[in-house]
Amino acid sequence: MFRCPDCQLVYISLDKLKKHRASLHPSLEDRTCPNCHHVFEKRHQRNKHLKTKCSQRHECVVCNRLLKNEYSLRVHMQSHEVVKQYYDMLRENHSPFS
């Protein structure tokens, strides 16, 4: 038998105890914001904080626009690629050599 040192529940295997502790008793690291280092009582509070208040910003290297996550930055970068393709097409169609 394996007893949880935090809440005294008993489990029949070490694996079940580890899963219990990971889900119900997250470590200090799991509850700490990696950006501002604020410590939350629950892991889900930290996750909500990261999504809404303290997310790392991702900056576009072309126009310096700040985006809230990597996915948004990738989508934004595609807009620059579309504009570049458009200008390349114009350049090819109006070449003095054609």
PDB file of N, CA and C in Angstrom:
ATOM      1  N   MET A   1       0.839  -1.188   0.000  1.00  0.00           N
ATOM      2  CA  MET A   1       0.000   0.000   0.000  1.00  0.00           C
ATOM      3  C   MET A   1       0.883   1.251   0.000  1.00  0.00           C
ATOM      4  N   PHE A   2       0.405   2.259  -0.723  1.00  0.00           N
ATOM      5  CA  PHE A   2       1.164   3.496  -0.864  1.00  0.00           C
ATOM      6  C   PHE A   2       0.301   4.675  -0.436  1.00  0.00           C
ATOM      7  N   ARG A   3       0.751   5.389   0.584  1.00  0.00           N
ATOM      8  CA  ARG A   3      -0.025   6.487   1.169  1.00  0.00           C
ATOM      9  C   ARG A   3       0.458   7.833   0.634  1.00  0.00           C
ATOM     10  N   CYS A   4      -0.495   8.686   0.262  1.00  0.00           N
ATOM     11  CA  CYS A   4      -0.165  10.030  -0.189  1.00  0.00           C
ATOM     12  C   CYS A   4       0.249  10.868   1.021  1.00  0.00           C
ATOM     13  N   PRO A   5       1.429  11.461   0.989  1.00  0.00           N
ATOM     14  CA  PRO A   5       1.873  12.259   2.132  1.00  0.00           C
ATOM     15  C   PRO A   5       1.123  13.588   2.274  1.00  0.00           C
ATOM     16  N   ASP A   6       0.404  13.981   1.224  1.00  0.00           N
ATOM     17  CA  ASP A   6      -0.314  15.251   1.277  1.00  0.00           C
ATOM     18  C   ASP A   6      -1.725  15.121   1.850  1.00  0.00           C
ATOM     19  N   CYS A   7      -2.432  14.037   1.476  1.00  0.00           N
ATOM     20  CA  CYS A   7      -3.830  13.916   1.926  1.00  0.00           C
ATOM     21  C   CYS A   7      -4.144  12.589   2.601  1.00  0.00           C
ATOM     22  N   GLN A   8      -3.164  11.717   2.712  1.00  0.00           N
ATOM     23  CA  GLN A   8      -3.268  10.435   3.401  1.00  0.00           C
ATOM     24  C   GLN A   8      -4.117   9.380   2.685  1.00  0.00           C
ATOM     25  N   LEU A   9      -4.523   9.618   1.441  1.00  0.00           N
ATOM     26  CA  LEU A   9      -5.219   8.574   0.692  1.00  0.00           C
ATOM     27  C   LEU A   9      -4.256   7.429   0.423  1.00  0.00           C
ATOM     28  N   VAL A  10      -4.801   6.209   0.338  1.00  0.00           N
ATOM     29  CA  VAL A  10      -3.972   5.024   0.151  1.00  0.00           C
ATOM     30  C   VAL A  10      -4.242   4.433  -1.222  1.00  0.00           C
ATOM     31  N   TYR A  11      -3.163   4.039  -1.910  1.00  0.00           N
ATOM     32  CA  TYR A  11      -3.265   3.463  -3.250  1.00  0.00           C
ATOM     33  C   TYR A  11      -2.586   2.110  -3.278  1.00  0.00           C
ATOM     34  N   ILE A  12      -3.055   1.251  -4.163  1.00  0.00           N
ATOM     35  CA  ILE A  12      -2.526  -0.112  -4.218  1.00  0.00           C
ATOM     36  C   ILE A  12      -1.229  -0.202  -5.027  1.00  0.00           C
ATOM     37  N   SER A  13      -0.920   0.845  -5.813  1.00  0.00           N
ATOM     38  CA  SER A  13       0.333   0.815  -6.571  1.00  0.00           C
ATOM     39  C   SER A  13       1.002   2.193  -6.538  1.00  0.00           C
ATOM     40  N   LEU A  14       2.297   2.179  -6.702  1.00  0.00           N
ATOM     41  CA  LEU A  14       3.060   3.418  -6.730  1.00  0.00           C
ATOM     42  C   LEU A  14       2.663   4.257  -7.940  1.00  0.00           C
ATOM     43  N   ASP A  15       2.373   3.591  -9.057  1.00  0.00           N
ATOM     44  CA  ASP A  15       1.962   4.290 -10.269  1.00  0.00           C
ATOM     45  C   ASP A  15       0.668   5.085 -10.033  1.00  0.00           C
ATOM     46  N   LYS A  16      -0.296   4.478  -9.361  1.00  0.00           N
ATOM     47  CA  LYS A  16      -1.558   5.178  -9.067  1.00  0.00           C
ATOM     48  C   LYS A  16      -1.333   6.346  -8.116  1.00  0.00           C
ATOM     49  N   LEU A  17      -0.461   6.181  -7.158  1.00  0.00           N
ATOM     50  CA  LEU A  17      -0.123   7.271  -6.238  1.00  0.00           C
ATOM     51  C   LEU A  17       0.528   8.426  -7.001  1.00  0.00           C
ATOM     52  N   LYS A  18       1.449   8.119  -7.919  1.00  0.00           N
ATOM     53  CA  LYS A  18       2.109   9.163  -8.701  1.00  0.00           C
ATOM     54  C   LYS A  18       1.103   9.936  -9.551  1.00  0.00           C
ATOM     55  N   LYS A  19       0.166   9.223 -10.171  1.00  0.00           N
ATOM     56  CA  LYS A  19      -0.863   9.897 -10.978  1.00  0.00           C
ATOM     57  C   LYS A  19      -1.740  10.789 -10.099  1.00  0.00           C
ATOM     58  N   HIS A  20      -2.101  10.298  -8.931  1.00  0.00           N
ATOM     59  CA  HIS A  20      -2.903  11.073  -7.978  1.00  0.00           C
ATOM     60  C   HIS A  20      -2.176  12.357  -7.584  1.00  0.00           C
ATOM     61  N   ARG A  21      -0.921  12.231  -7.230  1.00  0.00           N
ATOM     62  CA  ARG A  21      -0.161  13.409  -6.782  1.00  0.00           C
ATOM     63  C   ARG A  21       0.025  14.412  -7.909  1.00  0.00           C
ATOM     64  N   ALA A  22       0.249  13.920  -9.119  1.00  0.00           N
ATOM     65  CA  ALA A  22       0.444  14.830 -10.255  1.00  0.00           C
ATOM     66  C   ALA A  22      -0.825  15.619 -10.558  1.00  0.00           C
ATOM     67  N   SER A  23      -1.992  14.976 -10.402  1.00  0.00           N
ATOM     68  CA  SER A  23      -3.240  15.668 -10.730  1.00  0.00           C
ATOM     69  C   SER A  23      -3.793  16.490  -9.571  1.00  0.00           C
ATOM     70  N   LEU A  24      -3.649  16.024  -8.341  1.00  0.00           N
ATOM     71  CA  LEU A  24      -4.259  16.734  -7.211  1.00  0.00           C
ATOM     72  C   LEU A  24      -3.293  17.552  -6.371  1.00  0.00           C
ATOM     73  N   HIS A  25      -2.034  17.241  -6.432  1.00  0.00           N
ATOM     74  CA  HIS A  25      -1.047  17.954  -5.628  1.00  0.00           C
ATOM     75  C   HIS A  25       0.121  18.393  -6.520  1.00  0.00           C
ATOM     76  N   PRO A  26      -0.127  19.325  -7.423  1.00  0.00           N
ATOM     77  CA  PRO A  26       0.947  19.735  -8.334  1.00  0.00           C
ATOM     78  C   PRO A  26       2.109  20.376  -7.585  1.00  0.00           C
ATOM     79  N   SER A  27       3.282  20.224  -8.160  1.00  0.00           N
ATOM     80  CA  SER A  27       4.476  20.781  -7.529  1.00  0.00           C
ATOM     81  C   SER A  27       4.459  22.305  -7.623  1.00  0.00           C
ATOM     82  N   LEU A  28       5.332  22.912  -6.880  1.00  0.00           N
ATOM     83  CA  LEU A  28       5.462  24.369  -6.906  1.00  0.00           C
ATOM     84  C   LEU A  28       5.772  24.846  -8.323  1.00  0.00           C
ATOM     85  N   GLU A  29       6.602  24.107  -9.017  1.00  0.00           N
ATOM     86  CA  GLU A  29       6.961  24.459 -10.402  1.00  0.00           C
ATOM     87  C   GLU A  29       5.732  24.440 -11.314  1.00  0.00           C
ATOM     88  N   ASP A  30       4.840  23.472 -11.121  1.00  0.00           N
ATOM     89  CA  ASP A  30       3.620  23.370 -11.929  1.00  0.00           C
ATOM     90  C   ASP A  30       2.646  24.506 -11.656  1.00  0.00           C
ATOM     91  N   ARG A  31       2.806  25.177 -10.524  1.00  0.00           N
ATOM     92  CA  ARG A  31       1.879  26.254 -10.143  1.00  0.00           C
ATOM     93  C   ARG A  31       2.500  27.643 -10.292  1.00  0.00           C
ATOM     94  N   THR A  32       3.716  27.730 -10.829  1.00  0.00           N
ATOM     95  CA  THR A  32       4.430  29.004 -10.928  1.00  0.00           C
ATOM     96  C   THR A  32       4.453  29.490 -12.373  1.00  0.00           C
ATOM     97  N   CYS A  33       4.134  30.761 -12.557  1.00  0.00           N
ATOM     98  CA  CYS A  33       4.185  31.363 -13.889  1.00  0.00           C
ATOM     99  C   CYS A  33       5.651  31.489 -14.317  1.00  0.00           C
ATOM    100  N   PRO A  34       6.001  30.960 -15.490  1.00  0.00           N
ATOM    101  CA  PRO A  34       7.396  31.048 -15.935  1.00  0.00           C
ATOM    102  C   PRO A  34       7.801  32.459 -16.360  1.00  0.00           C
ATOM    103  N   ASN A  35       6.833  33.342 -16.558  1.00  0.00           N
ATOM    104  CA  ASN A  35       7.128  34.700 -17.013  1.00  0.00           C
ATOM    105  C   ASN A  35       7.275  35.686 -15.856  1.00  0.00           C
ATOM    106  N   CYS A  36       6.281  35.714 -14.959  1.00  0.00           N
ATOM    107  CA  CYS A  36       6.315  36.692 -13.861  1.00  0.00           C
ATOM    108  C   CYS A  36       6.631  36.048 -12.507  1.00  0.00           C
ATOM    109  N   HIS A  37       6.690  34.716 -12.463  1.00  0.00           N
ATOM    110  CA  HIS A  37       7.053  33.936 -11.268  1.00  0.00           C
ATOM    111  C   HIS A  37       6.018  34.010 -10.140  1.00  0.00           C
ATOM    112  N   HIS A  38       4.804  34.409 -10.466  1.00  0.00           N
ATOM    113  CA  HIS A  38       3.728  34.385  -9.470  1.00  0.00           C
ATOM    114  C   HIS A  38       3.362  32.925  -9.194  1.00  0.00           C
ATOM    115  N   VAL A  39       3.131  32.593  -7.920  1.00  0.00           N
ATOM    116  CA  VAL A  39       2.768  31.227  -7.545  1.00  0.00           C
ATOM    117  C   VAL A  39       1.268  31.181  -7.278  1.00  0.00           C
ATOM    118  N   PHE A  40       0.598  30.207  -7.894  1.00  0.00           N
ATOM    119  CA  PHE A  40      -0.848  30.048  -7.754  1.00  0.00           C
ATOM    120  C   PHE A  40      -1.168  28.861  -6.860  1.00  0.00           C
ATOM    121  N   GLU A  41      -2.347  28.875  -6.317  1.00  0.00           N
ATOM    122  CA  GLU A  41      -2.768  27.775  -5.450  1.00  0.00           C
ATOM    123  C   GLU A  41      -3.003  26.508  -6.272  1.00  0.00           C
ATOM    124  N   LYS A  42      -3.599  26.676  -7.443  1.00  0.00           N
ATOM    125  CA  LYS A  42      -3.931  25.535  -8.303  1.00  0.00           C
ATOM    126  C   LYS A  42      -3.273  25.687  -9.670  1.00  0.00           C
ATOM    127  N   ARG A  43      -2.965  24.562 -10.291  1.00  0.00           N
ATOM    128  CA  ARG A  43      -2.330  24.574 -11.602  1.00  0.00           C
ATOM    129  C   ARG A  43      -3.229  25.212 -12.658  1.00  0.00           C
ATOM    130  N   HIS A  44      -4.552  24.969 -12.602  1.00  0.00           N
ATOM    131  CA  HIS A  44      -5.454  25.538 -13.610  1.00  0.00           C
ATOM    132  C   HIS A  44      -5.502  27.065 -13.517  1.00  0.00           C
ATOM    133  N   GLN A  45      -5.265  27.614 -12.321  1.00  0.00           N
ATOM    134  CA  GLN A  45      -5.217  29.075 -12.178  1.00  0.00           C
ATOM    135  C   GLN A  45      -3.996  29.632 -12.917  1.00  0.00           C
ATOM    136  N   ARG A  46      -2.876  28.932 -12.790  1.00  0.00           N
ATOM    137  CA  ARG A  46      -1.680  29.348 -13.520  1.00  0.00           C
ATOM    138  C   ARG A  46      -1.902  29.264 -15.025  1.00  0.00           C
ATOM    139  N   ASN A  47      -2.548  28.192 -15.481  1.00  0.00           N
ATOM    140  CA  ASN A  47      -2.788  28.022 -16.910  1.00  0.00           C
ATOM    141  C   ASN A  47      -3.683  29.127 -17.460  1.00  0.00           C
ATOM    142  N   LYS A  48      -4.718  29.486 -16.719  1.00  0.00           N
ATOM    143  CA  LYS A  48      -5.607  30.576 -17.147  1.00  0.00           C
ATOM    144  C   LYS A  48      -4.836  31.898 -17.188  1.00  0.00           C
ATOM    145  N   HIS A  49      -4.025  32.142 -16.177  1.00  0.00           N
ATOM    146  CA  HIS A  49      -3.194  33.340 -16.108  1.00  0.00           C
ATOM    147  C   HIS A  49      -2.272  33.416 -17.335  1.00  0.00           C
ATOM    148  N   LEU A  50      -1.663  32.290 -17.695  1.00  0.00           N
ATOM    149  CA  LEU A  50      -0.760  32.275 -18.847  1.00  0.00           C
ATOM    150  C   LEU A  50      -1.491  32.588 -20.142  1.00  0.00           C
ATOM    151  N   LYS A  51      -2.711  32.107 -20.281  1.00  0.00           N
ATOM    152  CA  LYS A  51      -3.463  32.330 -21.512  1.00  0.00           C
ATOM    153  C   LYS A  51      -3.993  33.747 -21.621  1.00  0.00           C
ATOM    154  N   THR A  52      -4.283  34.377 -20.494  1.00  0.00           N
ATOM    155  CA  THR A  52      -4.972  35.663 -20.550  1.00  0.00           C
ATOM    156  C   THR A  52      -4.130  36.859 -20.142  1.00  0.00           C
ATOM    157  N   LYS A  53      -3.291  36.720 -19.148  1.00  0.00           N
ATOM    158  CA  LYS A  53      -2.644  37.903 -18.583  1.00  0.00           C
ATOM    159  C   LYS A  53      -1.138  37.955 -18.765  1.00  0.00           C
ATOM    160  N   CYS A  54      -0.492  36.835 -18.843  1.00  0.00           N
ATOM    161  CA  CYS A  54       0.966  36.871 -18.796  1.00  0.00           C
ATOM    162  C   CYS A  54       1.582  36.001 -19.893  1.00  0.00           C
ATOM    163  N   SER A  55       0.948  35.981 -21.030  1.00  0.00           N
ATOM    164  CA  SER A  55       1.514  35.171 -22.100  1.00  0.00           C
ATOM    165  C   SER A  55       2.708  35.887 -22.702  1.00  0.00           C
ATOM    166  N   GLN A  56       3.654  35.123 -23.142  1.00  0.00           N
ATOM    167  CA  GLN A  56       4.791  35.716 -23.823  1.00  0.00           C
ATOM    168  C   GLN A  56       4.313  36.203 -25.181  1.00  0.00           C
ATOM    169  N   ARG A  57       4.747  37.362 -25.558  1.00  0.00           N
ATOM    170  CA  ARG A  57       4.375  37.913 -26.852  1.00  0.00           C
ATOM    171  C   ARG A  57       5.371  37.453 -27.904  1.00  0.00           C
ATOM    172  N   HIS A  58       4.853  37.264 -29.112  1.00  0.00           N
ATOM    173  CA  HIS A  58       5.687  36.849 -30.227  1.00  0.00           C
ATOM    174  C   HIS A  58       5.695  37.990 -31.234  1.00  0.00           C
ATOM    175  N   GLU A  59       6.894  38.457 -31.577  1.00  0.00           N
ATOM    176  CA  GLU A  59       7.022  39.630 -32.429  1.00  0.00           C
ATOM    177  C   GLU A  59       7.336  39.230 -33.865  1.00  0.00           C
ATOM    178  N   CYS A  60       6.618  39.851 -34.794  1.00  0.00           N
ATOM    179  CA  CYS A  60       6.862  39.646 -36.214  1.00  0.00           C
ATOM    180  C   CYS A  60       8.162  40.356 -36.590  1.00  0.00           C
ATOM    181  N   VAL A  61       9.059  39.643 -37.243  1.00  0.00           N
ATOM    182  CA  VAL A  61      10.340  40.233 -37.627  1.00  0.00           C
ATOM    183  C   VAL A  61      10.209  41.148 -38.846  1.00  0.00           C
ATOM    184  N   VAL A  62       9.082  41.073 -39.546  1.00  0.00           N
ATOM    185  CA  VAL A  62       8.872  41.903 -40.734  1.00  0.00           C
ATOM    186  C   VAL A  62       8.299  43.266 -40.355  1.00  0.00           C
ATOM    187  N   CYS A  63       7.231  43.266 -39.541  1.00  0.00           N
ATOM    188  CA  CYS A  63       6.532  44.530 -39.235  1.00  0.00           C
ATOM    189  C   CYS A  63       6.518  44.875 -37.749  1.00  0.00           C
ATOM    190  N   ASN A  64       7.133  44.054 -36.913  1.00  0.00           N
ATOM    191  CA  ASN A  64       7.227  44.272 -35.457  1.00  0.00           C
ATOM    192  C   ASN A  64       5.894  44.177 -34.721  1.00  0.00           C
ATOM    193  N   ARG A  65       4.882  43.635 -35.354  1.00  0.00           N
ATOM    194  CA  ARG A  65       3.593  43.448 -34.668  1.00  0.00           C
ATOM    195  C   ARG A  65       3.747  42.384 -33.580  1.00  0.00           C
ATOM    196  N   LEU A  66       3.102  42.608 -32.423  1.00  0.00           N
ATOM    197  CA  LEU A  66       3.143  41.643 -31.335  1.00  0.00           C
ATOM    198  C   LEU A  66       1.904  40.760 -31.393  1.00  0.00           C
ATOM    199  N   LEU A  67       2.132  39.455 -31.327  1.00  0.00           N
ATOM    200  CA  LEU A  67       1.028  38.496 -31.349  1.00  0.00           C
ATOM    201  C   LEU A  67       1.069  37.664 -30.084  1.00  0.00           C
ATOM    202  N   LYS A  68      -0.090  37.139 -29.695  1.00  0.00           N
ATOM    203  CA  LYS A  68      -0.181  36.518 -28.371  1.00  0.00           C
ATOM    204  C   LYS A  68       0.358  35.099 -28.284  1.00  0.00           C
ATOM    205  N   ASN A  69       0.500  34.409 -29.414  1.00  0.00           N
ATOM    206  CA  ASN A  69       1.057  33.062 -29.344  1.00  0.00           C
ATOM    207  C   ASN A  69       1.733  32.694 -30.656  1.00  0.00           C
ATOM    208  N   GLU A  70       2.415  31.575 -30.661  1.00  0.00           N
ATOM    209  CA  GLU A  70       3.194  31.155 -31.820  1.00  0.00           C
ATOM    210  C   GLU A  70       2.304  30.864 -33.021  1.00  0.00           C
ATOM    211  N   TYR A  71       1.137  30.276 -32.775  1.00  0.00           N
ATOM    212  CA  TYR A  71       0.212  29.984 -33.871  1.00  0.00           C
ATOM    213  C   TYR A  71      -0.221  31.276 -34.566  1.00  0.00           C
ATOM    214  N   SER A  72      -0.591  32.285 -33.800  1.00  0.00           N
ATOM    215  CA  SER A  72      -1.001  33.570 -34.381  1.00  0.00           C
ATOM    216  C   SER A  72       0.132  34.186 -35.193  1.00  0.00           C
ATOM    217  N   LEU A  73       1.341  34.039 -34.711  1.00  0.00           N
ATOM    218  CA  LEU A  73       2.491  34.567 -35.443  1.00  0.00           C
ATOM    219  C   LEU A  73       2.666  33.835 -36.775  1.00  0.00           C
ATOM    220  N   ARG A  74       2.518  32.515 -36.774  1.00  0.00           N
ATOM    221  CA  ARG A  74       2.656  31.753 -38.028  1.00  0.00           C
ATOM    222  C   ARG A  74       1.601  32.180 -39.041  1.00  0.00           C
ATOM    223  N   VAL A  75       0.353  32.343 -38.594  1.00  0.00           N
ATOM    224  CA  VAL A  75      -0.724  32.781 -39.486  1.00  0.00           C
ATOM    225  C   VAL A  75      -0.416  34.175 -40.015  1.00  0.00           C
ATOM    226  N   HIS A  76       0.025  35.057 -39.141  1.00  0.00           N
ATOM    227  CA  HIS A  76       0.368  36.422 -39.535  1.00  0.00           C
ATOM    228  C   HIS A  76       1.497  36.417 -40.570  1.00  0.00           C
ATOM    229  N   MET A  77       2.506  35.602 -40.372  1.00  0.00           N
ATOM    230  CA  MET A  77       3.628  35.539 -41.303  1.00  0.00           C
ATOM    231  C   MET A  77       3.182  35.094 -42.690  1.00  0.00           C
ATOM    232  N   GLN A  78       2.147  34.288 -42.766  1.00  0.00           N
ATOM    233  CA  GLN A  78       1.612  33.884 -44.072  1.00  0.00           C
ATOM    234  C   GLN A  78       1.075  35.084 -44.836  1.00  0.00           C
ATOM    235  N   SER A  79       0.544  36.076 -44.139  1.00  0.00           N
ATOM    236  CA  SER A  79       0.057  37.269 -44.825  1.00  0.00           C
ATOM    237  C   SER A  79       1.209  38.007 -45.491  1.00  0.00           C
ATOM    238  N   HIS A  80       2.358  38.036 -44.871  1.00  0.00           N
ATOM    239  CA  HIS A  80       3.524  38.664 -45.493  1.00  0.00           C
ATOM    240  C   HIS A  80       3.957  37.877 -46.732  1.00  0.00           C
ATOM    241  N   GLU A  81       3.867  36.566 -46.655  1.00  0.00           N
ATOM    242  CA  GLU A  81       4.250  35.726 -47.787  1.00  0.00           C
ATOM    243  C   GLU A  81       3.296  35.951 -48.972  1.00  0.00           C
ATOM    244  N   VAL A  82       2.003  36.108 -48.703  1.00  0.00           N
ATOM    245  CA  VAL A  82       1.024  36.355 -49.766  1.00  0.00           C
ATOM    246  C   VAL A  82       1.330  37.684 -50.450  1.00  0.00           C
ATOM    247  N   VAL A  83       1.632  38.707 -49.688  1.00  0.00           N
ATOM    248  CA  VAL A  83       1.964  40.019 -50.252  1.00  0.00           C
ATOM    249  C   VAL A  83       3.221  39.911 -51.104  1.00  0.00           C
ATOM    250  N   LYS A  84       4.227  39.187 -50.609  1.00  0.00           N
ATOM    251  CA  LYS A  84       5.469  39.016 -51.366  1.00  0.00           C
ATOM    252  C   LYS A  84       5.193  38.292 -52.679  1.00  0.00           C
ATOM    253  N   GLN A  85       4.375  37.253 -52.638  1.00  0.00           N
ATOM    254  CA  GLN A  85       4.045  36.514 -53.863  1.00  0.00           C
ATOM    255  C   GLN A  85       3.319  37.419 -54.862  1.00  0.00           C
ATOM    256  N   TYR A  86       2.434  38.261 -54.377  1.00  0.00           N
ATOM    257  CA  TYR A  86       1.701  39.184 -55.236  1.00  0.00           C
ATOM    258  C   TYR A  86       2.660  40.145 -55.939  1.00  0.00           C
ATOM    259  N   TYR A  87       3.577  40.739 -55.200  1.00  0.00           N
ATOM    260  CA  TYR A  87       4.542  41.660 -55.797  1.00  0.00           C
ATOM    261  C   TYR A  87       5.496  40.938 -56.750  1.00  0.00           C
ATOM    262  N   ASP A  88       5.868  39.730 -56.431  1.00  0.00           N
ATOM    263  CA  ASP A  88       6.705  38.953 -57.345  1.00  0.00           C
ATOM    264  C   ASP A  88       5.967  38.700 -58.661  1.00  0.00           C
ATOM    265  N   MET A  89       4.680  38.381 -58.559  1.00  0.00           N
ATOM    266  CA  MET A  89       3.882  38.140 -59.754  1.00  0.00           C
ATOM    267  C   MET A  89       3.784  39.415 -60.597  1.00  0.00           C
ATOM    268  N   LEU A  90       3.546  40.551 -59.957  1.00  0.00           N
ATOM    269  CA  LEU A  90       3.480  41.821 -60.685  1.00  0.00           C
ATOM    270  C   LEU A  90       4.808  42.119 -61.377  1.00  0.00           C
ATOM    271  N   ARG A  91       5.869  41.884 -60.675  1.00  0.00           N
ATOM    272  CA  ARG A  91       7.197  42.140 -61.223  1.00  0.00           C
ATOM    273  C   ARG A  91       7.447  41.269 -62.457  1.00  0.00           C
ATOM    274  N   GLU A  92       7.054  39.999 -62.390  1.00  0.00           N
ATOM    275  CA  GLU A  92       7.245  39.088 -63.518  1.00  0.00           C
ATOM    276  C   GLU A  92       6.391  39.477 -64.713  1.00  0.00           C
ATOM    277  N   ASN A  93       5.157  39.913 -64.479  1.00  0.00           N
ATOM    278  CA  ASN A  93       4.233  40.253 -65.557  1.00  0.00           C
ATOM    279  C   ASN A  93       4.560  41.583 -66.210  1.00  0.00           C
ATOM    280  N   HIS A  94       5.279  42.443 -65.551  1.00  0.00           N
ATOM    281  CA  HIS A  94       5.601  43.758 -66.093  1.00  0.00           C
ATOM    282  C   HIS A  94       7.093  43.932 -66.290  1.00  0.00           C
ATOM    283  N   SER A  95       7.742  42.855 -66.555  1.00  0.00           N
ATOM    284  CA  SER A  95       9.190  42.913 -66.768  1.00  0.00           C
ATOM    285  C   SER A  95       9.505  43.602 -68.089  1.00  0.00           C
ATOM    286  N   PRO A  96      10.518  44.442 -68.132  1.00  0.00           N
ATOM    287  CA  PRO A  96      10.878  45.115 -69.377  1.00  0.00           C
ATOM    288  C   PRO A  96      11.407  44.135 -70.442  1.00  0.00           C
ATOM    289  N   PHE A  97      11.713  42.896 -70.014  1.00  0.00           N
ATOM    290  CA  PHE A  97      12.275  41.917 -70.940  1.00  0.00           C
ATOM    291  C   PHE A  97      11.207  41.024 -71.558  1.00  0.00           C
ATOM    292  N   SER A  98       9.938  41.204 -71.218  1.00  0.00           N
ATOM    293  CA  SER A  98       8.913  40.311 -71.756  1.00  0.00           C
ATOM    294  C   SER A  98       8.271  40.843 -73.004  1.00  0.00           C
TER     295      SER A  98
END
